Amino acid sequence: MDLQKRIDRNLEQAITFATAGGNPSIICDALRYSVFPGGARIRPRLCLAVALAEGDEAPSASNAAATAIELLHCASLVHDDLPCFDDAATRRGKPSVHTAFGETTAVLAGDALIVLAFETIARECLATPDRIAPLIGVIGRAVGMPHGIIAGQAWESEKSIDLKVYHRAKTSSLFIGSTTAGAIAAGADPQNWYRLGEALGDAFQVADDLRDFASSPEEIGKPCGQDAAHDRPNAVHELGLGGAVQRLQDLVGQAAASIPDCRGSDMLKQLILGEAKRLVPKSLATVAA
């Protein structure tokens, strides 16, 4: 089974648990709408790829970790699009959750996905109970305070923002959570995989800044120019267009070089290089070549 099918199968199972009985009907519909169809699923793919590289001897644990990470990512998108934050009308090429279901339902749907993520770990890791607490710990840190997604969102309310700290919390934290959770699920040392998550998260954020600056809503499935509109830090504004592209390439190289010596190292390098090509906006392909 390829990683995408494995991820979607487990997400489907989690959403089925959450929407059993079909009521309240509106939020049940909103939960499914929030998760399907998904984007590239890069974070859960990364989690499973690390687990596979380390042998994946407890697939129920790695499935639970990957599912929880994607549910939390989807929750962050639902909340990020709300009128009190980005006020984005579209996401993944369709109306955002608050546009489709209303602001109240969107808040509740995001909250429900957060709870479902941790419920999934508790339910699916019964065969490996020793991994439940470590997984909750690393994934909780990736989304909470003081360095997780919530902190990243909170930095946008500050008068002065350190770009590196902001990006570390808003984006890199969940990538670090993905690699370290994959290692924990496989019974390996998560510290060996910390740097990979950090470098990939930094690269993804620079790529997101490039897409926000130079792409189109049709290409990325959401509004562009959001950083400028909300006066937020952006790697292009700080480094220039060429500097941001070079920074992205440097980070991808650092990520590939950080992969520990293991049976799946070649597979992971190919995954990283493939994702790096996808992240560069089409309009900048010649700049990045």
C-alpha atoms as a PDB file:
ATOM      1  CA  MET A   1       0.000   0.000   0.000  1.00  0.00           C
ATOM      2  CA  ASP A   2       1.397   3.404  -0.918  1.00  0.00           C
ATOM      3  CA  LEU A   3       1.640   6.054   1.782  1.00  0.00           C
ATOM      4  CA  GLN A   4      -1.187   8.208   0.435  1.00  0.00           C
ATOM      5  CA  LYS A   5      -3.681   5.336   0.523  1.00  0.00           C
ATOM      6  CA  ARG A   6      -2.495   4.298   3.966  1.00  0.00           C
ATOM      7  CA  ILE A   7      -2.965   7.835   5.286  1.00  0.00           C
ATOM      8  CA  ASP A   8      -6.405   8.336   3.756  1.00  0.00           C
ATOM      9  CA  ARG A   9      -7.609   4.939   4.988  1.00  0.00           C
ATOM     10  CA  ASN A  10      -6.683   5.823   8.570  1.00  0.00           C
ATOM     11  CA  LEU A  11      -8.106   9.337   8.323  1.00  0.00           C
ATOM     12  CA  GLU A  12     -11.354   7.846   7.063  1.00  0.00           C
ATOM     13  CA  GLN A  13     -11.434   5.528  10.070  1.00  0.00           C
ATOM     14  CA  ALA A  14     -10.851   8.420  12.485  1.00  0.00           C
ATOM     15  CA  ILE A  15     -13.560  10.603  10.918  1.00  0.00           C
ATOM     16  CA  THR A  16     -15.960   7.647  10.950  1.00  0.00           C
ATOM     17  CA  PHE A  17     -15.454   7.334  14.717  1.00  0.00           C
ATOM     18  CA  ALA A  18     -16.038  11.060  15.192  1.00  0.00           C
ATOM     19  CA  THR A  19     -19.189  11.192  13.084  1.00  0.00           C
ATOM     20  CA  ALA A  20     -20.818   7.944  14.236  1.00  0.00           C
ATOM     21  CA  GLY A  21     -24.589   8.344  14.082  1.00  0.00           C
ATOM     22  CA  GLY A  22     -24.331  11.413  11.862  1.00  0.00           C
ATOM     23  CA  ASN A  23     -25.392  13.971  14.476  1.00  0.00           C
ATOM     24  CA  PRO A  24     -25.146  16.867  14.991  1.00  0.00           C
ATOM     25  CA  SER A  25     -25.327  16.700  11.228  1.00  0.00           C
ATOM     26  CA  ILE A  26     -23.808  20.067  10.302  1.00  0.00           C
ATOM     27  CA  ILE A  27     -20.596  19.615  12.262  1.00  0.00           C
ATOM     28  CA  CYS A  28     -20.335  16.005  11.091  1.00  0.00           C
ATOM     29  CA  ASP A  29     -20.395  17.279   7.516  1.00  0.00           C
ATOM     30  CA  ALA A  30     -17.892  20.012   8.403  1.00  0.00           C
ATOM     31  CA  LEU A  31     -15.433  17.534   9.929  1.00  0.00           C
ATOM     32  CA  ARG A  32     -15.365  15.415   6.798  1.00  0.00           C
ATOM     33  CA  TYR A  33     -15.174  18.530   4.616  1.00  0.00           C
ATOM     34  CA  SER A  34     -12.180  19.761   6.661  1.00  0.00           C
ATOM     35  CA  VAL A  35     -10.171  16.607   6.017  1.00  0.00           C
ATOM     36  CA  PHE A  36     -11.275  15.364   2.562  1.00  0.00           C
ATOM     37  CA  PRO A  37     -10.108  15.779  -0.074  1.00  0.00           C
ATOM     38  CA  GLY A  38      -6.724  16.556   1.426  1.00  0.00           C
ATOM     39  CA  GLY A  39      -3.637  18.319   0.219  1.00  0.00           C
ATOM     40  CA  ALA A  40      -0.266  16.673  -0.276  1.00  0.00           C
ATOM     41  CA  ARG A  41      -0.382  15.088   3.215  1.00  0.00           C
ATOM     42  CA  ILE A  42       3.330  15.828   3.499  1.00  0.00           C
ATOM     43  CA  ARG A  43       3.436  15.733   7.318  1.00  0.00           C
ATOM     44  CA  PRO A  44       1.823  12.299   7.778  1.00  0.00           C
ATOM     45  CA  ARG A  45       3.822  10.983   4.821  1.00  0.00           C
ATOM     46  CA  LEU A  46       6.979  12.184   6.524  1.00  0.00           C
ATOM     47  CA  CYS A  47       5.926  10.539   9.787  1.00  0.00           C
ATOM     48  CA  LEU A  48       5.291   7.196   8.077  1.00  0.00           C
ATOM     49  CA  ALA A  49       8.455   7.467   5.990  1.00  0.00           C
ATOM     50  CA  VAL A  50      10.568   7.853   9.137  1.00  0.00           C
ATOM     51  CA  ALA A  51       8.765   4.920  10.774  1.00  0.00           C
ATOM     52  CA  LEU A  52       9.380   2.798   7.676  1.00  0.00           C
ATOM     53  CA  ALA A  53      13.024   3.836   7.572  1.00  0.00           C
ATOM     54  CA  GLU A  54      13.336   2.546  11.149  1.00  0.00           C
ATOM     55  CA  GLY A  55      11.546  -0.746  10.421  1.00  0.00           C
ATOM     56  CA  ASP A  56       7.906   0.215  11.225  1.00  0.00           C
ATOM     57  CA  GLU A  57       7.567  -2.701  13.637  1.00  0.00           C
ATOM     58  CA  ALA A  58       4.377  -1.238  15.175  1.00  0.00           C
ATOM     59  CA  PRO A  59       2.302   0.017  12.214  1.00  0.00           C
ATOM     60  CA  SER A  60      -0.754   0.692  14.388  1.00  0.00           C
ATOM     61  CA  ALA A  61       1.309   3.209  16.361  1.00  0.00           C
ATOM     62  CA  SER A  62       2.787   4.883  13.275  1.00  0.00           C
ATOM     63  CA  ASN A  63      -0.664   5.017  11.647  1.00  0.00           C
ATOM     64  CA  ALA A  64      -2.071   6.675  14.776  1.00  0.00           C
ATOM     65  CA  ALA A  65       0.769   9.196  14.905  1.00  0.00           C
ATOM     66  CA  ALA A  66       0.462  10.103  11.233  1.00  0.00           C
ATOM     67  CA  THR A  67      -3.327  10.399  11.484  1.00  0.00           C
ATOM     68  CA  ALA A  68      -3.128  12.617  14.569  1.00  0.00           C
ATOM     69  CA  ILE A  69      -0.599  14.892  12.905  1.00  0.00           C
ATOM     70  CA  GLU A  70      -2.758  15.372   9.814  1.00  0.00           C
ATOM     71  CA  LEU A  71      -5.902  15.975  11.903  1.00  0.00           C
ATOM     72  CA  LEU A  72      -4.036  18.673  13.822  1.00  0.00           C
ATOM     73  CA  HIS A  73      -2.760  20.202  10.597  1.00  0.00           C
ATOM     74  CA  CYS A  74      -6.310  20.299   9.198  1.00  0.00           C
ATOM     75  CA  ALA A  75      -7.539  21.873  12.439  1.00  0.00           C
ATOM     76  CA  SER A  76      -4.895  24.580  12.154  1.00  0.00           C
ATOM     77  CA  LEU A  77      -6.022  25.376   8.599  1.00  0.00           C
ATOM     78  CA  VAL A  78      -9.678  25.625   9.634  1.00  0.00           C
ATOM     79  CA  HIS A  79      -8.784  28.078  12.395  1.00  0.00           C
ATOM     80  CA  ASP A  80      -6.199  29.956  10.321  1.00  0.00           C
ATOM     81  CA  ASP A  81      -8.825  30.749   7.672  1.00  0.00           C
ATOM     82  CA  LEU A  82     -11.292  32.263  10.172  1.00  0.00           C
ATOM     83  CA  PRO A  83     -12.251  35.949   9.849  1.00  0.00           C
ATOM     84  CA  CYS A  84     -10.359  36.789  13.049  1.00  0.00           C
ATOM     85  CA  PHE A  85      -7.107  35.529  11.446  1.00  0.00           C
ATOM     86  CA  ASP A  86      -6.624  35.382   7.649  1.00  0.00           C
ATOM     87  CA  ASP A  87     -10.311  35.668   6.684  1.00  0.00           C
ATOM     88  CA  ALA A  88      -9.584  33.364   3.741  1.00  0.00           C
ATOM     89  CA  ALA A  89     -12.526  32.446   1.545  1.00  0.00           C
ATOM     90  CA  THR A  90     -10.857  29.420  -0.069  1.00  0.00           C
ATOM     91  CA  ARG A  91      -8.638  26.532   0.945  1.00  0.00           C
ATOM     92  CA  ARG A  92      -7.403  23.611  -1.166  1.00  0.00           C
ATOM     93  CA  GLY A  93      -9.284  24.991  -4.138  1.00  0.00           C
ATOM     94  CA  LYS A  94     -12.722  25.049  -2.481  1.00  0.00           C
ATOM     95  CA  PRO A  95     -14.579  27.320  -0.028  1.00  0.00           C
ATOM     96  CA  SER A  96     -12.931  27.375   3.388  1.00  0.00           C
ATOM     97  CA  VAL A  97     -14.824  25.724   6.235  1.00  0.00           C
ATOM     98  CA  HIS A  98     -16.197  28.957   7.696  1.00  0.00           C
ATOM     99  CA  THR A  99     -17.302  30.066   4.230  1.00  0.00           C
ATOM    100  CA  ALA A 100     -19.106  26.770   3.630  1.00  0.00           C
ATOM    101  CA  PHE A 101     -20.536  26.126   7.107  1.00  0.00           C
ATOM    102  CA  GLY A 102     -20.372  29.378   9.051  1.00  0.00           C
ATOM    103  CA  GLU A 103     -17.908  30.726  11.580  1.00  0.00           C
ATOM    104  CA  THR A 104     -19.402  28.994  14.633  1.00  0.00           C
ATOM    105  CA  THR A 105     -19.271  25.552  13.048  1.00  0.00           C
ATOM    106  CA  ALA A 106     -15.725  26.177  11.802  1.00  0.00           C
ATOM    107  CA  VAL A 107     -14.495  26.967  15.320  1.00  0.00           C
ATOM    108  CA  LEU A 108     -16.150  23.835  16.681  1.00  0.00           C
ATOM    109  CA  ALA A 109     -14.869  21.682  13.796  1.00  0.00           C
ATOM    110  CA  GLY A 110     -11.299  22.793  14.403  1.00  0.00           C
ATOM    111  CA  ASP A 111     -11.661  22.087  18.121  1.00  0.00           C
ATOM    112  CA  ALA A 112     -13.162  18.658  17.414  1.00  0.00           C
ATOM    113  CA  LEU A 113     -10.271  17.717  15.111  1.00  0.00           C
ATOM    114  CA  ILE A 114      -7.771  18.599  17.854  1.00  0.00           C
ATOM    115  CA  VAL A 115      -9.553  16.362  20.352  1.00  0.00           C
ATOM    116  CA  LEU A 116      -9.906  13.592  17.752  1.00  0.00           C
ATOM    117  CA  ALA A 117      -6.161  13.622  17.103  1.00  0.00           C
ATOM    118  CA  PHE A 118      -5.285  12.707  20.673  1.00  0.00           C
ATOM    119  CA  GLU A 119      -8.227  10.312  20.985  1.00  0.00           C
ATOM    120  CA  THR A 120      -6.873   8.480  17.937  1.00  0.00           C
ATOM    121  CA  ILE A 121      -3.492   7.942  19.595  1.00  0.00           C
ATOM    122  CA  ALA A 122      -5.146   6.619  22.760  1.00  0.00           C
ATOM    123  CA  ARG A 123      -7.464   4.282  20.838  1.00  0.00           C
ATOM    124  CA  GLU A 124      -5.054   2.933  18.224  1.00  0.00           C
ATOM    125  CA  CYS A 125      -1.953   2.417  20.393  1.00  0.00           C
ATOM    126  CA  LEU A 126      -3.405  -0.100  22.863  1.00  0.00           C
ATOM    127  CA  ALA A 127      -1.030  -2.781  21.553  1.00  0.00           C
ATOM    128  CA  THR A 128       1.945  -0.494  22.313  1.00  0.00           C
ATOM    129  CA  PRO A 129       0.854   1.366  25.466  1.00  0.00           C
ATOM    130  CA  ASP A 130       4.429   2.433  26.233  1.00  0.00           C
ATOM    131  CA  ARG A 131       4.329   4.714  23.178  1.00  0.00           C
ATOM    132  CA  ILE A 132       1.130   6.587  24.002  1.00  0.00           C
ATOM    133  CA  ALA A 133       2.667   9.086  26.440  1.00  0.00           C
ATOM    134  CA  PRO A 134       5.776   9.852  24.320  1.00  0.00           C
ATOM    135  CA  LEU A 135       3.638  10.358  21.211  1.00  0.00           C
ATOM    136  CA  ILE A 136       1.216  12.651  23.023  1.00  0.00           C
ATOM    137  CA  GLY A 137       4.203  14.545  24.423  1.00  0.00           C
ATOM    138  CA  VAL A 138       5.985  15.274  21.140  1.00  0.00           C
ATOM    139  CA  ILE A 139       2.809  15.953  19.171  1.00  0.00           C
ATOM    140  CA  GLY A 140       1.381  18.120  21.948  1.00  0.00           C
ATOM    141  CA  ARG A 141       4.556  20.224  21.975  1.00  0.00           C
ATOM    142  CA  ALA A 142       4.316  20.582  18.215  1.00  0.00           C
ATOM    143  CA  VAL A 143       0.884  22.217  18.412  1.00  0.00           C
ATOM    144  CA  GLY A 144       0.852  23.923  21.825  1.00  0.00           C
ATOM    145  CA  MET A 145       2.801  26.478  23.815  1.00  0.00           C
ATOM    146  CA  PRO A 146       5.436  27.820  23.954  1.00  0.00           C
ATOM    147  CA  HIS A 147       6.870  26.749  20.583  1.00  0.00           C
ATOM    148  CA  GLY A 148       4.059  25.040  18.664  1.00  0.00           C
ATOM    149  CA  ILE A 149       1.448  26.087  16.130  1.00  0.00           C
ATOM    150  CA  ILE A 150      -0.575  28.020  18.702  1.00  0.00           C
ATOM    151  CA  ALA A 151       2.485  30.066  19.611  1.00  0.00           C
ATOM    152  CA  GLY A 152       3.108  30.695  15.923  1.00  0.00           C
ATOM    153  CA  GLN A 153      -0.393  32.030  15.465  1.00  0.00           C
ATOM    154  CA  ALA A 154      -0.062  34.120  18.625  1.00  0.00           C
ATOM    155  CA  TRP A 155       3.125  35.784  17.356  1.00  0.00           C
ATOM    156  CA  GLU A 156       1.007  37.462  14.673  1.00  0.00           C
ATOM    157  CA  SER A 157      -0.604  39.564  17.416  1.00  0.00           C
ATOM    158  CA  GLU A 158       2.750  40.878  18.671  1.00  0.00           C
ATOM    159  CA  LYS A 159       4.105  44.288  17.646  1.00  0.00           C
ATOM    160  CA  SER A 160       7.551  42.902  16.817  1.00  0.00           C
ATOM    161  CA  ILE A 161       8.143  39.443  15.338  1.00  0.00           C
ATOM    162  CA  ASP A 162      11.401  37.511  15.035  1.00  0.00           C
ATOM    163  CA  LEU A 163      11.053  35.760  11.655  1.00  0.00           C
ATOM    164  CA  LYS A 164      13.056  32.681  12.696  1.00  0.00           C
ATOM    165  CA  VAL A 165      11.168  32.183  15.972  1.00  0.00           C
ATOM    166  CA  TYR A 166       7.834  32.819  14.251  1.00  0.00           C
ATOM    167  CA  HIS A 167       8.516  30.312  11.474  1.00  0.00           C
ATOM    168  CA  ARG A 168       9.898  27.769  13.967  1.00  0.00           C
ATOM    169  CA  ALA A 169       6.595  27.807  15.846  1.00  0.00           C
ATOM    170  CA  LYS A 170       4.141  28.237  12.992  1.00  0.00           C
ATOM    171  CA  THR A 171       5.544  25.624  10.616  1.00  0.00           C
ATOM    172  CA  SER A 172       8.706  23.810  11.715  1.00  0.00           C
ATOM    173  CA  SER A 173       7.193  22.582  14.971  1.00  0.00           C
ATOM    174  CA  LEU A 174       4.746  20.198  13.295  1.00  0.00           C
ATOM    175  CA  PHE A 175       7.437  18.899  10.937  1.00  0.00           C
ATOM    176  CA  ILE A 176       9.623  18.166  13.965  1.00  0.00           C
ATOM    177  CA  GLY A 177       6.622  16.487  15.549  1.00  0.00           C
ATOM    178  CA  SER A 178       6.165  14.409  12.396  1.00  0.00           C
ATOM    179  CA  THR A 179       9.714  13.062  12.223  1.00  0.00           C
ATOM    180  CA  THR A 180      10.118  12.471  15.952  1.00  0.00           C
ATOM    181  CA  ALA A 181       6.684  10.855  16.274  1.00  0.00           C
ATOM    182  CA  GLY A 182       7.522   8.516  13.400  1.00  0.00           C
ATOM    183  CA  ALA A 183      10.680   7.481  15.208  1.00  0.00           C
ATOM    184  CA  ILE A 184       8.879   6.955  18.529  1.00  0.00           C
ATOM    185  CA  ALA A 185       6.169   4.875  16.855  1.00  0.00           C
ATOM    186  CA  ALA A 186       8.876   2.632  15.399  1.00  0.00           C
ATOM    187  CA  GLY A 187      10.695   2.301  18.723  1.00  0.00           C
ATOM    188  CA  ALA A 188      13.668   4.417  17.610  1.00  0.00           C
ATOM    189  CA  ASP A 189      15.441   7.420  19.158  1.00  0.00           C
ATOM    190  CA  PRO A 190      13.476  10.567  18.194  1.00  0.00           C
ATOM    191  CA  GLN A 191      16.503  12.837  18.704  1.00  0.00           C
ATOM    192  CA  ASN A 192      18.143  11.302  15.631  1.00  0.00           C
ATOM    193  CA  TRP A 193      15.291  12.713  13.532  1.00  0.00           C
ATOM    194  CA  TYR A 194      14.882  16.158  15.082  1.00  0.00           C
ATOM    195  CA  ARG A 195      17.144  18.000  12.649  1.00  0.00           C
ATOM    196  CA  LEU A 196      15.379  16.545   9.600  1.00  0.00           C
ATOM    197  CA  GLY A 197      12.031  17.851  10.826  1.00  0.00           C
ATOM    198  CA  GLU A 198      13.497  21.239  11.680  1.00  0.00           C
ATOM    199  CA  ALA A 199      15.176  21.720   8.290  1.00  0.00           C
ATOM    200  CA  LEU A 200      12.135  20.517   6.349  1.00  0.00           C
ATOM    201  CA  GLY A 201       9.829  22.746   8.358  1.00  0.00           C
ATOM    202  CA  ASP A 202      12.027  25.758   7.706  1.00  0.00           C
ATOM    203  CA  ALA A 203      12.153  24.873   4.000  1.00  0.00           C
ATOM    204  CA  PHE A 204       8.397  24.452   3.791  1.00  0.00           C
ATOM    205  CA  GLN A 205       7.806  27.848   5.407  1.00  0.00           C
ATOM    206  CA  VAL A 206      10.184  29.589   2.985  1.00  0.00           C
ATOM    207  CA  ALA A 207       8.403  27.819   0.123  1.00  0.00           C
ATOM    208  CA  ASP A 208       5.046  28.949   1.533  1.00  0.00           C
ATOM    209  CA  ASP A 209       6.340  32.519   1.642  1.00  0.00           C
ATOM    210  CA  LEU A 210       7.453  32.196  -1.979  1.00  0.00           C
ATOM    211  CA  ARG A 211       4.041  30.873  -3.009  1.00  0.00           C
ATOM    212  CA  ASP A 212       2.275  33.649  -1.128  1.00  0.00           C
ATOM    213  CA  PHE A 213       4.436  36.207  -2.929  1.00  0.00           C
ATOM    214  CA  ALA A 214       4.764  34.800  -6.440  1.00  0.00           C
ATOM    215  CA  SER A 215       2.082  32.172  -7.064  1.00  0.00           C
ATOM    216  CA  SER A 216      -1.612  32.405  -7.920  1.00  0.00           C
ATOM    217  CA  PRO A 217      -4.782  31.292  -6.114  1.00  0.00           C
ATOM    218  CA  GLU A 218      -5.419  28.833  -8.951  1.00  0.00           C
ATOM    219  CA  GLU A 219      -2.026  27.157  -8.417  1.00  0.00           C
ATOM    220  CA  ILE A 220      -2.075  26.864  -4.617  1.00  0.00           C
ATOM    221  CA  GLY A 221      -5.831  26.692  -3.945  1.00  0.00           C
ATOM    222  CA  LYS A 222      -5.943  29.601  -1.488  1.00  0.00           C
ATOM    223  CA  PRO A 223      -5.563  33.395  -1.541  1.00  0.00           C
ATOM    224  CA  CYS A 224      -2.124  34.887  -2.247  1.00  0.00           C
ATOM    225  CA  GLY A 225      -0.596  38.074  -0.856  1.00  0.00           C
ATOM    226  CA  GLN A 226      -1.818  37.305   2.653  1.00  0.00           C
ATOM    227  CA  ASP A 227       1.466  38.197   4.357  1.00  0.00           C
ATOM    228  CA  ALA A 228       1.558  41.646   2.809  1.00  0.00           C
ATOM    229  CA  ALA A 229      -2.152  42.192   3.477  1.00  0.00           C
ATOM    230  CA  HIS A 230      -1.754  41.321   7.162  1.00  0.00           C
ATOM    231  CA  ASP A 231       1.702  42.912   7.566  1.00  0.00           C
ATOM    232  CA  ARG A 232       3.325  39.598   8.532  1.00  0.00           C
ATOM    233  CA  PRO A 233       6.981  38.565   8.171  1.00  0.00           C
ATOM    234  CA  ASN A 234       7.853  36.878   4.894  1.00  0.00           C
ATOM    235  CA  ALA A 235      11.163  35.401   3.738  1.00  0.00           C
ATOM    236  CA  VAL A 236      10.897  37.173   0.370  1.00  0.00           C
ATOM    237  CA  HIS A 237      10.485  40.554   2.052  1.00  0.00           C
ATOM    238  CA  GLU A 238      13.482  39.883   4.298  1.00  0.00           C
ATOM    239  CA  LEU A 239      15.853  38.074   1.881  1.00  0.00           C
ATOM    240  CA  GLY A 240      14.663  39.181  -1.551  1.00  0.00           C
ATOM    241  CA  LEU A 241      13.283  36.797  -4.165  1.00  0.00           C
ATOM    242  CA  GLY A 242      16.619  35.275  -5.151  1.00  0.00           C
ATOM    243  CA  GLY A 243      17.728  35.053  -1.536  1.00  0.00           C
ATOM    244  CA  ALA A 244      14.552  33.228  -0.525  1.00  0.00           C
ATOM    245  CA  VAL A 245      14.939  30.712  -3.355  1.00  0.00           C
ATOM    246  CA  GLN A 246      18.568  30.112  -2.344  1.00  0.00           C
ATOM    247  CA  ARG A 247      17.518  29.721   1.290  1.00  0.00           C
ATOM    248  CA  LEU A 248      14.970  27.089   0.265  1.00  0.00           C
ATOM    249  CA  GLN A 249      17.585  25.146  -1.684  1.00  0.00           C
ATOM    250  CA  ASP A 250      20.059  25.315   1.217  1.00  0.00           C
ATOM    251  CA  LEU A 251      17.468  24.010   3.671  1.00  0.00           C
ATOM    252  CA  VAL A 252      16.499  21.122   1.396  1.00  0.00           C
ATOM    253  CA  GLY A 253      20.174  20.178   1.184  1.00  0.00           C
ATOM    254  CA  GLN A 254      20.506  20.356   4.965  1.00  0.00           C
ATOM    255  CA  ALA A 255      17.436  18.173   5.379  1.00  0.00           C
ATOM    256  CA  ALA A 256      18.758  15.486   3.041  1.00  0.00           C
ATOM    257  CA  ALA A 257      22.154  15.542   4.744  1.00  0.00           C
ATOM    258  CA  SER A 258      20.597  15.162   8.207  1.00  0.00           C
ATOM    259  CA  ILE A 259      18.987  11.775   7.530  1.00  0.00           C
ATOM    260  CA  PRO A 260      20.543   9.166   9.838  1.00  0.00           C
ATOM    261  CA  ASP A 261      22.145   6.047   8.408  1.00  0.00           C
ATOM    262  CA  CYS A 262      19.267   3.556   8.219  1.00  0.00           C
ATOM    263  CA  ARG A 263      17.645   1.089   5.853  1.00  0.00           C
ATOM    264  CA  GLY A 264      15.265   3.701   4.454  1.00  0.00           C
ATOM    265  CA  SER A 265      17.632   6.636   4.000  1.00  0.00           C
ATOM    266  CA  ASP A 266      17.556   6.529   0.185  1.00  0.00           C
ATOM    267  CA  MET A 267      13.748   6.421   0.139  1.00  0.00           C
ATOM    268  CA  LEU A 268      13.592   9.444   2.431  1.00  0.00           C
ATOM    269  CA  LYS A 269      16.045  11.443   0.345  1.00  0.00           C
ATOM    270  CA  GLN A 270      13.962  10.829  -2.769  1.00  0.00           C
ATOM    271  CA  LEU A 271      10.803  11.892  -0.920  1.00  0.00           C
ATOM    272  CA  ILE A 272      12.452  15.121   0.239  1.00  0.00           C
ATOM    273  CA  LEU A 273      13.855  16.022  -3.173  1.00  0.00           C
ATOM    274  CA  GLY A 274      10.503  15.293  -4.825  1.00  0.00           C
ATOM    275  CA  GLU A 275       8.653  17.506  -2.376  1.00  0.00           C
ATOM    276  CA  ALA A 276      11.195  20.302  -2.824  1.00  0.00           C
ATOM    277  CA  LYS A 277      10.462  20.479  -6.554  1.00  0.00           C
ATOM    278  CA  ARG A 278       6.718  20.584  -5.892  1.00  0.00           C
ATOM    279  CA  LEU A 279       7.033  23.433  -3.404  1.00  0.00           C
ATOM    280  CA  VAL A 280       8.545  25.987  -5.791  1.00  0.00           C
ATOM    281  CA  PRO A 281       5.896  28.079  -7.613  1.00  0.00           C
ATOM    282  CA  LYS A 282       5.765  27.448 -11.350  1.00  0.00           C
ATOM    283  CA  SER A 283       6.588  31.098 -12.029  1.00  0.00           C
ATOM    284  CA  LEU A 284       9.904  30.654 -10.184  1.00  0.00           C
ATOM    285  CA  ALA A 285      10.958  27.327 -11.683  1.00  0.00           C
ATOM    286  CA  THR A 286      13.687  28.941 -13.780  1.00  0.00           C
ATOM    287  CA  VAL A 287      15.002  30.875 -10.783  1.00  0.00           C
ATOM    288  CA  ALA A 288      15.301  27.669  -8.742  1.00  0.00           C
ATOM    289  CA  ALA A 289      16.852  25.611 -11.546  1.00  0.00           C
END
